[in-house]
Amino acid sequence: MHIKTFDAAVPYEAPNHFGCYGLRLQGFEPGGPTNQWVAISQFLPGGGAGPDSTPFEKVYVVLEGEMTVIADGREVVLKKYDSCTIAPGEIRTIENRANLTCTMLVVIPYPKEAGK
């Protein structure tokens, strides 16, 4: 078992994100997960990311607030405990259009170059 307290979470900057503060909860440390890493992203009102894509899938779970996700010409608002999977290569934009901070759990597999 690998335990990491929230106080030990390490901040990180995600490319092409704005109005966002990310904390890595698990991953990229000895004894941690070997297949994916897990983060909490906090988006201020007006914050978001994209448009862009990655060569691997991502899972978003909204824990607080709401997030608008736009992909493949479809727009959906995720609310508390709603989730979505973004497929590899899928171009997505996310926008916090609400007046409250949105907190999302993000699960992403390790990139191949990380050797995982």
PDB file of N, CA and C in Angstrom:
ATOM      1  N   MET A   1       0.848  -1.175   0.000  1.00  0.00           N
ATOM      2  CA  MET A   1       0.000   0.000   0.000  1.00  0.00           C
ATOM      3  C   MET A   1       0.894   1.239   0.000  1.00  0.00           C
ATOM      4  N   HIS A   2       0.522   2.215  -0.821  1.00  0.00           N
ATOM      5  CA  HIS A   2       1.256   3.489  -0.902  1.00  0.00           C
ATOM      6  C   HIS A   2       0.319   4.611  -0.462  1.00  0.00           C
ATOM      7  N   ILE A   3       0.641   5.251   0.633  1.00  0.00           N
ATOM      8  CA  ILE A   3      -0.177   6.331   1.182  1.00  0.00           C
ATOM      9  C   ILE A   3       0.502   7.661   0.888  1.00  0.00           C
ATOM     10  N   LYS A   4      -0.284   8.621   0.457  1.00  0.00           N
ATOM     11  CA  LYS A   4       0.205   9.983   0.257  1.00  0.00           C
ATOM     12  C   LYS A   4      -0.889  10.921   0.749  1.00  0.00           C
ATOM     13  N   THR A   5      -0.587  11.719   1.736  1.00  0.00           N
ATOM     14  CA  THR A   5      -1.598  12.623   2.278  1.00  0.00           C
ATOM     15  C   THR A   5      -1.792  13.820   1.349  1.00  0.00           C
ATOM     16  N   PHE A   6      -2.940  14.455   1.479  1.00  0.00           N
ATOM     17  CA  PHE A   6      -3.234  15.624   0.655  1.00  0.00           C
ATOM     18  C   PHE A   6      -2.199  16.720   0.905  1.00  0.00           C
ATOM     19  N   ASP A   7      -1.705  16.836   2.139  1.00  0.00           N
ATOM     20  CA  ASP A   7      -0.673  17.829   2.456  1.00  0.00           C
ATOM     21  C   ASP A   7       0.618  17.586   1.681  1.00  0.00           C
ATOM     22  N   ALA A   8       0.863  16.344   1.250  1.00  0.00           N
ATOM     23  CA  ALA A   8       2.080  16.005   0.513  1.00  0.00           C
ATOM     24  C   ALA A   8       1.897  16.084  -1.006  1.00  0.00           C
ATOM     25  N   ALA A   9       0.693  16.435  -1.453  1.00  0.00           N
ATOM     26  CA  ALA A   9       0.446  16.531  -2.897  1.00  0.00           C
ATOM     27  C   ALA A   9       1.332  17.619  -3.500  1.00  0.00           C
ATOM     28  N   VAL A  10       1.867  17.339  -4.681  1.00  0.00           N
ATOM     29  CA  VAL A  10       2.820  18.236  -5.338  1.00  0.00           C
ATOM     30  C   VAL A  10       2.110  19.031  -6.437  1.00  0.00           C
ATOM     31  N   PRO A  11       2.233  20.368  -6.413  1.00  0.00           N
ATOM     32  CA  PRO A  11       1.638  21.166  -7.495  1.00  0.00           C
ATOM     33  C   PRO A  11       2.321  20.881  -8.836  1.00  0.00           C
ATOM     34  N   TYR A  12       1.580  21.023  -9.913  1.00  0.00           N
ATOM     35  CA  TYR A  12       2.145  20.884 -11.252  1.00  0.00           C
ATOM     36  C   TYR A  12       1.397  21.824 -12.182  1.00  0.00           C
ATOM     37  N   GLU A  13       2.047  22.199 -13.267  1.00  0.00           N
ATOM     38  CA  GLU A  13       1.414  23.043 -14.279  1.00  0.00           C
ATOM     39  C   GLU A  13       1.107  22.195 -15.501  1.00  0.00           C
ATOM     40  N   ALA A  14      -0.146  22.190 -15.873  1.00  0.00           N
ATOM     41  CA  ALA A  14      -0.564  21.427 -17.046  1.00  0.00           C
ATOM     42  C   ALA A  14      -0.476  22.327 -18.277  1.00  0.00           C
ATOM     43  N   PRO A  15       0.055  21.822 -19.391  1.00  0.00           N
ATOM     44  CA  PRO A  15       0.149  22.630 -20.606  1.00  0.00           C
ATOM     45  C   PRO A  15      -1.221  23.064 -21.109  1.00  0.00           C
ATOM     46  N   ASN A  16      -1.297  24.278 -21.626  1.00  0.00           N
ATOM     47  CA  ASN A  16      -2.491  24.826 -22.261  1.00  0.00           C
ATOM     48  C   ASN A  16      -3.689  24.914 -21.307  1.00  0.00           C
ATOM     49  N   HIS A  17      -3.427  25.045 -20.004  1.00  0.00           N
ATOM     50  CA  HIS A  17      -4.463  25.264 -19.000  1.00  0.00           C
ATOM     51  C   HIS A  17      -4.345  26.713 -18.517  1.00  0.00           C
ATOM     52  N   PHE A  18      -5.451  27.303 -18.118  1.00  0.00           N
ATOM     53  CA  PHE A  18      -5.436  28.669 -17.600  1.00  0.00           C
ATOM     54  C   PHE A  18      -6.453  28.780 -16.467  1.00  0.00           C
ATOM     55  N   GLY A  19      -6.148  29.631 -15.487  1.00  0.00           N
ATOM     56  CA  GLY A  19      -7.020  29.749 -14.326  1.00  0.00           C
ATOM     57  C   GLY A  19      -7.160  28.433 -13.599  1.00  0.00           C
ATOM     58  N   CYS A  20      -6.060  27.675 -13.549  1.00  0.00           N
ATOM     59  CA  CYS A  20      -6.081  26.308 -13.016  1.00  0.00           C
ATOM     60  C   CYS A  20      -4.926  26.100 -12.054  1.00  0.00           C
ATOM     61  N   TYR A  21      -5.201  25.393 -10.972  1.00  0.00           N
ATOM     62  CA  TYR A  21      -4.167  24.987 -10.024  1.00  0.00           C
ATOM     63  C   TYR A  21      -4.266  23.480  -9.878  1.00  0.00           C
ATOM     64  N   GLY A  22      -3.192  22.765 -10.238  1.00  0.00           N
ATOM     65  CA  GLY A  22      -3.199  21.308 -10.202  1.00  0.00           C
ATOM     66  C   GLY A  22      -2.343  20.758  -9.086  1.00  0.00           C
ATOM     67  N   LEU A  23      -2.815  19.697  -8.445  1.00  0.00           N
ATOM     68  CA  LEU A  23      -2.062  18.984  -7.416  1.00  0.00           C
ATOM     69  C   LEU A  23      -2.008  17.508  -7.784  1.00  0.00           C
ATOM     70  N   ARG A  24      -0.815  16.942  -7.845  1.00  0.00           N
ATOM     71  CA  ARG A  24      -0.656  15.511  -8.140  1.00  0.00           C
ATOM     72  C   ARG A  24      -0.849  14.742  -6.835  1.00  0.00           C
ATOM     73  N   LEU A  25      -1.887  13.908  -6.801  1.00  0.00           N
ATOM     74  CA  LEU A  25      -2.184  13.122  -5.611  1.00  0.00           C
ATOM     75  C   LEU A  25      -1.378  11.832  -5.568  1.00  0.00           C
ATOM     76  N   GLN A  26      -1.254  11.176  -6.704  1.00  0.00           N
ATOM     77  CA  GLN A  26      -0.511   9.927  -6.814  1.00  0.00           C
ATOM     78  C   GLN A  26       0.182   9.897  -8.167  1.00  0.00           C
ATOM     79  N   GLY A  27       1.388   9.327  -8.185  1.00  0.00           N
ATOM     80  CA  GLY A  27       2.085   9.123  -9.448  1.00  0.00           C
ATOM     81  C   GLY A  27       3.443   9.779  -9.499  1.00  0.00           C
ATOM     82  N   PHE A  28       4.315   9.185 -10.301  1.00  0.00           N
ATOM     83  CA  PHE A  28       5.677   9.671 -10.518  1.00  0.00           C
ATOM     84  C   PHE A  28       6.500   9.687  -9.229  1.00  0.00           C
ATOM     85  N   GLU A  29       6.215   8.748  -8.297  1.00  0.00           N
ATOM     86  CA  GLU A  29       7.033   8.642  -7.091  1.00  0.00           C
ATOM     87  C   GLU A  29       7.289   7.168  -6.790  1.00  0.00           C
ATOM     88  N   PRO A  30       8.396   6.860  -6.115  1.00  0.00           N
ATOM     89  CA  PRO A  30       8.690   5.467  -5.763  1.00  0.00           C
ATOM     90  C   PRO A  30       7.551   4.855  -4.947  1.00  0.00           C
ATOM     91  N   GLY A  31       7.142   3.660  -5.313  1.00  0.00           N
ATOM     92  CA  GLY A  31       6.095   2.952  -4.598  1.00  0.00           C
ATOM     93  C   GLY A  31       4.694   3.351  -5.010  1.00  0.00           C
ATOM     94  N   GLY A  32       4.574   4.350  -5.886  1.00  0.00           N
ATOM     95  CA  GLY A  32       3.267   4.822  -6.334  1.00  0.00           C
ATOM     96  C   GLY A  32       2.713   3.953  -7.448  1.00  0.00           C
ATOM     97  N   PRO A  33       1.619   4.382  -8.054  1.00  0.00           N
ATOM     98  CA  PRO A  33       0.985   3.586  -9.104  1.00  0.00           C
ATOM     99  C   PRO A  33       1.912   3.407 -10.307  1.00  0.00           C
ATOM    100  N   THR A  34       1.744   2.290 -10.987  1.00  0.00           N
ATOM    101  CA  THR A  34       2.610   1.987 -12.133  1.00  0.00           C
ATOM    102  C   THR A  34       1.918   2.195 -13.473  1.00  0.00           C
ATOM    103  N   ASN A  35       0.604   2.402 -13.488  1.00  0.00           N
ATOM    104  CA  ASN A  35      -0.123   2.533 -14.746  1.00  0.00           C
ATOM    105  C   ASN A  35      -0.666   3.928 -15.025  1.00  0.00           C
ATOM    106  N   GLN A  36      -0.968   4.682 -13.998  1.00  0.00           N
ATOM    107  CA  GLN A  36      -1.582   5.991 -14.180  1.00  0.00           C
ATOM    108  C   GLN A  36      -1.188   6.920 -13.030  1.00  0.00           C
ATOM    109  N   TRP A  37      -1.469   8.192 -13.240  1.00  0.00           N
ATOM    110  CA  TRP A  37      -1.309   9.149 -12.153  1.00  0.00           C
ATOM    111  C   TRP A  37      -2.636   9.861 -11.947  1.00  0.00           C
ATOM    112  N   VAL A  38      -2.826  10.389 -10.747  1.00  0.00           N
ATOM    113  CA  VAL A  38      -4.101  10.958 -10.343  1.00  0.00           C
ATOM    114  C   VAL A  38      -3.859  12.361  -9.799  1.00  0.00           C
ATOM    115  N   ALA A  39      -4.721  13.295 -10.206  1.00  0.00           N
ATOM    116  CA  ALA A  39      -4.552  14.683  -9.780  1.00  0.00           C
ATOM    117  C   ALA A  39      -5.901  15.300  -9.431  1.00  0.00           C
ATOM    118  N   ILE A  40      -5.806  16.405  -8.716  1.00  0.00           N
ATOM    119  CA  ILE A  40      -6.971  17.272  -8.485  1.00  0.00           C
ATOM    120  C   ILE A  40      -6.647  18.575  -9.192  1.00  0.00           C
ATOM    121  N   SER A  41      -7.562  19.025 -10.026  1.00  0.00           N
ATOM    122  CA  SER A  41      -7.416  20.310 -10.711  1.00  0.00           C
ATOM    123  C   SER A  41      -8.514  21.235 -10.220  1.00  0.00           C
ATOM    124  N   GLN A  42      -8.113  22.431  -9.822  1.00  0.00           N
ATOM    125  CA  GLN A  42      -9.067  23.440  -9.377  1.00  0.00           C
ATOM    126  C   GLN A  42      -9.073  24.560 -10.408  1.00  0.00           C
ATOM    127  N   PHE A  43     -10.253  24.799 -10.991  1.00  0.00           N
ATOM    128  CA  PHE A  43     -10.399  25.808 -12.036  1.00  0.00           C
ATOM    129  C   PHE A  43     -11.201  26.986 -11.496  1.00  0.00           C
ATOM    130  N   LEU A  44     -10.611  28.159 -11.545  1.00  0.00           N
ATOM    131  CA  LEU A  44     -11.326  29.368 -11.176  1.00  0.00           C
ATOM    132  C   LEU A  44     -12.420  29.658 -12.184  1.00  0.00           C
ATOM    133  N   PRO A  45     -13.413  30.482 -11.836  1.00  0.00           N
ATOM    134  CA  PRO A  45     -14.382  30.910 -12.838  1.00  0.00           C
ATOM    135  C   PRO A  45     -13.647  31.500 -14.044  1.00  0.00           C
ATOM    136  N   GLY A  46     -14.027  31.084 -15.237  1.00  0.00           N
ATOM    137  CA  GLY A  46     -13.356  31.523 -16.455  1.00  0.00           C
ATOM    138  C   GLY A  46     -12.135  30.695 -16.808  1.00  0.00           C
ATOM    139  N   GLY A  47     -11.724  29.785 -15.929  1.00  0.00           N
ATOM    140  CA  GLY A  47     -10.574  28.929 -16.204  1.00  0.00           C
ATOM    141  C   GLY A  47     -10.938  27.779 -17.123  1.00  0.00           C
ATOM    142  N   GLY A  48      -9.921  27.128 -17.655  1.00  0.00           N
ATOM    143  CA  GLY A  48     -10.179  25.997 -18.533  1.00  0.00           C
ATOM    144  C   GLY A  48      -8.917  25.459 -19.165  1.00  0.00           C
ATOM    145  N   ALA A  49      -9.094  24.758 -20.271  1.00  0.00           N
ATOM    146  CA  ALA A  49      -7.966  24.164 -20.992  1.00  0.00           C
ATOM    147  C   ALA A  49      -8.365  23.894 -22.433  1.00  0.00           C
ATOM    148  N   GLY A  50      -7.355  23.904 -23.294  1.00  0.00           N
ATOM    149  CA  GLY A  50      -7.559  23.532 -24.689  1.00  0.00           C
ATOM    150  C   GLY A  50      -7.889  24.715 -25.571  1.00  0.00           C
ATOM    151  N   PRO A  51      -8.255  24.408 -26.804  1.00  0.00           N
ATOM    152  CA  PRO A  51      -8.474  23.063 -27.328  1.00  0.00           C
ATOM    153  C   PRO A  51      -7.148  22.340 -27.592  1.00  0.00           C
ATOM    154  N   ASP A  52      -7.137  21.075 -27.253  1.00  0.00           N
ATOM    155  CA  ASP A  52      -5.996  20.233 -27.562  1.00  0.00           C
ATOM    156  C   ASP A  52      -6.368  18.774 -27.364  1.00  0.00           C
ATOM    157  N   SER A  53      -5.413  17.896 -27.639  1.00  0.00           N
ATOM    158  CA  SER A  53      -5.636  16.458 -27.466  1.00  0.00           C
ATOM    159  C   SER A  53      -4.350  15.832 -26.954  1.00  0.00           C
ATOM    160  N   THR A  54      -4.459  14.607 -26.485  1.00  0.00           N
ATOM    161  CA  THR A  54      -3.288  13.847 -26.050  1.00  0.00           C
ATOM    162  C   THR A  54      -3.359  12.459 -26.689  1.00  0.00           C
ATOM    163  N   PRO A  55      -2.236  11.766 -26.771  1.00  0.00           N
ATOM    164  CA  PRO A  55      -2.253  10.429 -27.373  1.00  0.00           C
ATOM    165  C   PRO A  55      -2.773   9.344 -26.426  1.00  0.00           C
ATOM    166  N   PHE A  56      -3.271   9.730 -25.257  1.00  0.00           N
ATOM    167  CA  PHE A  56      -3.795   8.767 -24.289  1.00  0.00           C
ATOM    168  C   PHE A  56      -5.127   9.273 -23.737  1.00  0.00           C
ATOM    169  N   GLU A  57      -5.920   8.353 -23.203  1.00  0.00           N
ATOM    170  CA  GLU A  57      -7.220   8.756 -22.672  1.00  0.00           C
ATOM    171  C   GLU A  57      -7.071   9.424 -21.314  1.00  0.00           C
ATOM    172  N   LYS A  58      -8.096  10.201 -20.952  1.00  0.00           N
ATOM    173  CA  LYS A  58      -8.156  10.870 -19.664  1.00  0.00           C
ATOM    174  C   LYS A  58      -9.547  10.659 -19.094  1.00  0.00           C
ATOM    175  N   VAL A  59      -9.647  10.626 -17.779  1.00  0.00           N
ATOM    176  CA  VAL A  59     -10.940  10.569 -17.108  1.00  0.00           C
ATOM    177  C   VAL A  59     -11.050  11.795 -16.214  1.00  0.00           C
ATOM    178  N   TYR A  60     -12.174  12.496 -16.324  1.00  0.00           N
ATOM    179  CA  TYR A  60     -12.480  13.651 -15.481  1.00  0.00           C
ATOM    180  C   TYR A  60     -13.663  13.286 -14.582  1.00  0.00           C
ATOM    181  N   VAL A  61     -13.572  13.637 -13.295  1.00  0.00           N
ATOM    182  CA  VAL A  61     -14.673  13.486 -12.361  1.00  0.00           C
ATOM    183  C   VAL A  61     -14.831  14.824 -11.644  1.00  0.00           C
ATOM    184  N   VAL A  62     -15.988  15.460 -11.791  1.00  0.00           N
ATOM    185  CA  VAL A  62     -16.222  16.736 -11.119  1.00  0.00           C
ATOM    186  C   VAL A  62     -16.585  16.446  -9.658  1.00  0.00           C
ATOM    187  N   LEU A  63     -15.823  17.049  -8.741  1.00  0.00           N
ATOM    188  CA  LEU A  63     -16.074  16.863  -7.314  1.00  0.00           C
ATOM    189  C   LEU A  63     -16.871  18.024  -6.721  1.00  0.00           C
ATOM    190  N   GLU A  64     -16.654  19.220  -7.257  1.00  0.00           N
ATOM    191  CA  GLU A  64     -17.377  20.418  -6.819  1.00  0.00           C
ATOM    192  C   GLU A  64     -17.538  21.333  -8.022  1.00  0.00           C
ATOM    193  N   GLY A  65     -18.629  22.085  -8.055  1.00  0.00           N
ATOM    194  CA  GLY A  65     -18.852  23.029  -9.140  1.00  0.00           C
ATOM    195  C   GLY A  65     -19.331  22.335 -10.393  1.00  0.00           C
ATOM    196  N   GLU A  66     -19.000  22.949 -11.533  1.00  0.00           N
ATOM    197  CA  GLU A  66     -19.373  22.364 -12.825  1.00  0.00           C
ATOM    198  C   GLU A  66     -18.356  22.750 -13.881  1.00  0.00           C
ATOM    199  N   MET A  67     -18.273  21.916 -14.914  1.00  0.00           N
ATOM    200  CA  MET A  67     -17.313  22.127 -15.995  1.00  0.00           C
ATOM    201  C   MET A  67     -17.993  21.832 -17.325  1.00  0.00           C
ATOM    202  N   THR A  68     -17.842  22.751 -18.274  1.00  0.00           N
ATOM    203  CA  THR A  68     -18.348  22.529 -19.625  1.00  0.00           C
ATOM    204  C   THR A  68     -17.248  21.834 -20.424  1.00  0.00           C
ATOM    205  N   VAL A  69     -17.583  20.710 -21.035  1.00  0.00           N
ATOM    206  CA  VAL A  69     -16.647  19.940 -21.848  1.00  0.00           C
ATOM    207  C   VAL A  69     -17.156  19.968 -23.284  1.00  0.00           C
ATOM    208  N   ILE A  70     -16.268  20.346 -24.203  1.00  0.00           N
ATOM    209  CA  ILE A  70     -16.618  20.429 -25.616  1.00  0.00           C
ATOM    210  C   ILE A  70     -15.696  19.487 -26.385  1.00  0.00           C
ATOM    211  N   ALA A  71     -16.294  18.532 -27.119  1.00  0.00           N
ATOM    212  CA  ALA A  71     -15.513  17.580 -27.910  1.00  0.00           C
ATOM    213  C   ALA A  71     -16.392  17.042 -29.033  1.00  0.00           C
ATOM    214  N   ASP A  72     -15.801  16.866 -30.196  1.00  0.00           N
ATOM    215  CA  ASP A  72     -16.508  16.302 -31.353  1.00  0.00           C
ATOM    216  C   ASP A  72     -17.824  17.032 -31.647  1.00  0.00           C
ATOM    217  N   GLY A  73     -17.820  18.359 -31.516  1.00  0.00           N
ATOM    218  CA  GLY A  73     -19.009  19.139 -31.805  1.00  0.00           C
ATOM    219  C   GLY A  73     -20.102  19.017 -30.757  1.00  0.00           C
ATOM    220  N   ARG A  74     -19.824  18.344 -29.671  1.00  0.00           N
ATOM    221  CA  ARG A  74     -20.791  18.140 -28.591  1.00  0.00           C
ATOM    222  C   ARG A  74     -20.356  18.927 -27.367  1.00  0.00           C
ATOM    223  N   GLU A  75     -21.306  19.555 -26.715  1.00  0.00           N
ATOM    224  CA  GLU A  75     -21.018  20.342 -25.514  1.00  0.00           C
ATOM    225  C   GLU A  75     -21.884  19.810 -24.377  1.00  0.00           C
ATOM    226  N   VAL A  76     -21.264  19.515 -23.237  1.00  0.00           N
ATOM    227  CA  VAL A  76     -21.992  18.990 -22.083  1.00  0.00           C
ATOM    228  C   VAL A  76     -21.476  19.672 -20.818  1.00  0.00           C
ATOM    229  N   VAL A  77     -22.365  19.875 -19.869  1.00  0.00           N
ATOM    230  CA  VAL A  77     -21.980  20.442 -18.578  1.00  0.00           C
ATOM    231  C   VAL A  77     -21.935  19.303 -17.567  1.00  0.00           C
ATOM    232  N   LEU A  78     -20.743  19.062 -17.019  1.00  0.00           N
ATOM    233  CA  LEU A  78     -20.583  18.063 -15.965  1.00  0.00           C
ATOM    234  C   LEU A  78     -20.780  18.747 -14.624  1.00  0.00           C
ATOM    235  N   LYS A  79     -21.604  18.150 -13.772  1.00  0.00           N
ATOM    236  CA  LYS A  79     -21.856  18.674 -12.430  1.00  0.00           C
ATOM    237  C   LYS A  79     -21.302  17.700 -11.404  1.00  0.00           C
ATOM    238  N   LYS A  80     -21.462  18.022 -10.149  1.00  0.00           N
ATOM    239  CA  LYS A  80     -20.893  17.233  -9.053  1.00  0.00           C
ATOM    240  C   LYS A  80     -21.124  15.735  -9.260  1.00  0.00           C
ATOM    241  N   TYR A  81     -20.016  14.992  -9.232  1.00  0.00           N
ATOM    242  CA  TYR A  81     -19.926  13.539  -9.378  1.00  0.00           C
ATOM    243  C   TYR A  81     -20.184  13.033 -10.789  1.00  0.00           C
ATOM    244  N   ASP A  82     -20.437  13.929 -11.763  1.00  0.00           N
ATOM    245  CA  ASP A  82     -20.493  13.509 -13.157  1.00  0.00           C
ATOM    246  C   ASP A  82     -19.060  13.247 -13.631  1.00  0.00           C
ATOM    247  N   SER A  83     -18.923  12.393 -14.636  1.00  0.00           N
ATOM    248  CA  SER A  83     -17.589  12.075 -15.150  1.00  0.00           C
ATOM    249  C   SER A  83     -17.645  11.877 -16.656  1.00  0.00           C
ATOM    250  N   CYS A  84     -16.464  11.934 -17.266  1.00  0.00           N
ATOM    251  CA  CYS A  84     -16.365  11.632 -18.697  1.00  0.00           C
ATOM    252  C   CYS A  84     -14.981  11.082 -18.993  1.00  0.00           C
ATOM    253  N   THR A  85     -14.909  10.354 -20.082  1.00  0.00           N
ATOM    254  CA  THR A  85     -13.642   9.861 -20.599  1.00  0.00           C
ATOM    255  C   THR A  85     -13.370  10.583 -21.908  1.00  0.00           C
ATOM    256  N   ILE A  86     -12.171  11.099 -22.043  1.00  0.00           N
ATOM    257  CA  ILE A  86     -11.718  11.721 -23.286  1.00  0.00           C
ATOM    258  C   ILE A  86     -10.820  10.698 -23.975  1.00  0.00           C
ATOM    259  N   ALA A  87     -11.174  10.323 -25.190  1.00  0.00           N
ATOM    260  CA  ALA A  87     -10.447   9.278 -25.920  1.00  0.00           C
ATOM    261  C   ALA A  87      -9.091   9.774 -26.420  1.00  0.00           C
ATOM    262  N   PRO A  88      -8.161   8.866 -26.665  1.00  0.00           N
ATOM    263  CA  PRO A  88      -6.873   9.261 -27.237  1.00  0.00           C
ATOM    264  C   PRO A  88      -7.089  10.009 -28.558  1.00  0.00           C
ATOM    265  N   GLY A  89      -6.420  11.136 -28.725  1.00  0.00           N
ATOM    266  CA  GLY A  89      -6.508  11.914 -29.951  1.00  0.00           C
ATOM    267  C   GLY A  89      -7.750  12.781 -30.071  1.00  0.00           C
ATOM    268  N   GLU A  90      -8.690  12.652 -29.137  1.00  0.00           N
ATOM    269  CA  GLU A  90      -9.916  13.458 -29.188  1.00  0.00           C
ATOM    270  C   GLU A  90      -9.608  14.898 -28.771  1.00  0.00           C
ATOM    271  N   ILE A  91      -9.972  15.842 -29.621  1.00  0.00           N
ATOM    272  CA  ILE A  91      -9.738  17.257 -29.305  1.00  0.00           C
ATOM    273  C   ILE A  91     -10.845  17.719 -28.373  1.00  0.00           C
ATOM    274  N   ARG A  92     -10.442  18.282 -27.232  1.00  0.00           N
ATOM    275  CA  ARG A  92     -11.406  18.737 -26.258  1.00  0.00           C
ATOM    276  C   ARG A  92     -11.030  20.121 -25.749  1.00  0.00           C
ATOM    277  N   THR A  93     -12.065  20.847 -25.336  1.00  0.00           N
ATOM    278  CA  THR A  93     -11.911  22.116 -24.630  1.00  0.00           C
ATOM    279  C   THR A  93     -12.725  21.987 -23.358  1.00  0.00           C
ATOM    280  N   ILE A  94     -12.196  22.486 -22.245  1.00  0.00           N
ATOM    281  CA  ILE A  94     -12.976  22.530 -21.014  1.00  0.00           C
ATOM    282  C   ILE A  94     -13.004  23.971 -20.521  1.00  0.00           C
ATOM    283  N   GLU A  95     -14.171  24.393 -20.037  1.00  0.00           N
ATOM    284  CA  GLU A  95     -14.361  25.774 -19.592  1.00  0.00           C
ATOM    285  C   GLU A  95     -15.210  25.801 -18.334  1.00  0.00           C
ATOM    286  N   ASN A  96     -14.739  26.516 -17.330  1.00  0.00           N
ATOM    287  CA  ASN A  96     -15.556  26.747 -16.137  1.00  0.00           C
ATOM    288  C   ASN A  96     -16.337  28.032 -16.373  1.00  0.00           C
ATOM    289  N   ARG A  97     -17.580  27.896 -16.788  1.00  0.00           N
ATOM    290  CA  ARG A  97     -18.432  29.042 -17.098  1.00  0.00           C
ATOM    291  C   ARG A  97     -19.237  29.499 -15.888  1.00  0.00           C
ATOM    292  N   ALA A  98     -19.096  28.816 -14.781  1.00  0.00           N
ATOM    293  CA  ALA A  98     -19.833  29.158 -13.562  1.00  0.00           C
ATOM    294  C   ALA A  98     -19.057  30.188 -12.740  1.00  0.00           C
ATOM    295  N   ASN A  99     -19.700  30.712 -11.725  1.00  0.00           N
ATOM    296  CA  ASN A  99     -19.063  31.702 -10.848  1.00  0.00           C
ATOM    297  C   ASN A  99     -18.418  31.081  -9.622  1.00  0.00           C
ATOM    298  N   LEU A 100     -18.370  29.752  -9.562  1.00  0.00           N
ATOM    299  CA  LEU A 100     -17.729  29.047  -8.457  1.00  0.00           C
ATOM    300  C   LEU A 100     -16.546  28.245  -8.987  1.00  0.00           C
ATOM    301  N   THR A 101     -15.581  27.991  -8.134  1.00  0.00           N
ATOM    302  CA  THR A 101     -14.446  27.153  -8.503  1.00  0.00           C
ATOM    303  C   THR A 101     -14.933  25.737  -8.794  1.00  0.00           C
ATOM    304  N   CYS A 102     -14.357  25.135  -9.829  1.00  0.00           N
ATOM    305  CA  CYS A 102     -14.637  23.736 -10.161  1.00  0.00           C
ATOM    306  C   CYS A 102     -13.439  22.892  -9.736  1.00  0.00           C
ATOM    307  N   THR A 103     -13.705  21.844  -8.976  1.00  0.00           N
ATOM    308  CA  THR A 103     -12.661  20.911  -8.563  1.00  0.00           C
ATOM    309  C   THR A 103     -12.906  19.588  -9.262  1.00  0.00           C
ATOM    310  N   MET A 104     -11.889  19.120 -10.005  1.00  0.00           N
ATOM    311  CA  MET A 104     -12.014  17.872 -10.760  1.00  0.00           C
ATOM    312  C   MET A 104     -10.905  16.899 -10.376  1.00  0.00           C
ATOM    313  N   LEU A 105     -11.266  15.637 -10.265  1.00  0.00           N
ATOM    314  CA  LEU A 105     -10.313  14.554 -10.154  1.00  0.00           C
ATOM    315  C   LEU A 105      -9.958  14.155 -11.577  1.00  0.00           C
ATOM    316  N   VAL A 106      -8.671  13.988 -11.858  1.00  0.00           N
ATOM    317  CA  VAL A 106      -8.205  13.653 -13.206  1.00  0.00           C
ATOM    318  C   VAL A 106      -7.336  12.395 -13.105  1.00  0.00           C
ATOM    319  N   VAL A 107      -7.623  11.412 -13.955  1.00  0.00           N
ATOM    320  CA  VAL A 107      -6.840  10.174 -13.999  1.00  0.00           C
ATOM    321  C   VAL A 107      -6.277  10.045 -15.410  1.00  0.00           C
ATOM    322  N   ILE A 108      -4.940   9.911 -15.488  1.00  0.00           N
ATOM    323  CA  ILE A 108      -4.249   9.881 -16.785  1.00  0.00           C
ATOM    324  C   ILE A 108      -3.195   8.770 -16.761  1.00  0.00           C
ATOM    325  N   PRO A 109      -3.125   7.948 -17.805  1.00  0.00           N
ATOM    326  CA  PRO A 109      -2.055   6.946 -17.848  1.00  0.00           C
ATOM    327  C   PRO A 109      -0.702   7.624 -18.029  1.00  0.00           C
ATOM    328  N   TYR A 110       0.325   6.942 -17.604  1.00  0.00           N
ATOM    329  CA  TYR A 110       1.672   7.461 -17.807  1.00  0.00           C
ATOM    330  C   TYR A 110       1.990   7.540 -19.298  1.00  0.00           C
ATOM    331  N   PRO A 111       2.673   8.599 -19.735  1.00  0.00           N
ATOM    332  CA  PRO A 111       3.128   8.622 -21.131  1.00  0.00           C
ATOM    333  C   PRO A 111       4.198   7.560 -21.335  1.00  0.00           C
ATOM    334  N   LYS A 112       4.305   7.042 -22.555  1.00  0.00           N
ATOM    335  CA  LYS A 112       5.275   5.994 -22.844  1.00  0.00           C
ATOM    336  C   LYS A 112       6.699   6.401 -22.511  1.00  0.00           C
ATOM    337  N   GLU A 113       7.041   7.690 -22.718  1.00  0.00           N
ATOM    338  CA  GLU A 113       8.411   8.119 -22.450  1.00  0.00           C
ATOM    339  C   GLU A 113       8.764   8.117 -20.974  1.00  0.00           C
ATOM    340  N   ALA A 114       7.752   8.005 -20.085  1.00  0.00           N
ATOM    341  CA  ALA A 114       8.034   7.932 -18.645  1.00  0.00           C
ATOM    342  C   ALA A 114       8.548   6.553 -18.263  1.00  0.00           C
ATOM    343  N   GLY A 115       8.490   5.605 -19.209  1.00  0.00           N
ATOM    344  CA  GLY A 115       9.021   4.276 -18.939  1.00  0.00           C
ATOM    345  C   GLY A 115       8.113   3.427 -18.071  1.00  0.00           C
ATOM    346  N   LYS A 116       6.866   3.807 -17.984  1.00  0.00           N
ATOM    347  CA  LYS A 116       5.932   3.066 -17.143  1.00  0.00           C
ATOM    348  C   LYS A 116       5.136   2.105 -17.982  1.00  0.00           C
TER     349      LYS A 116
END
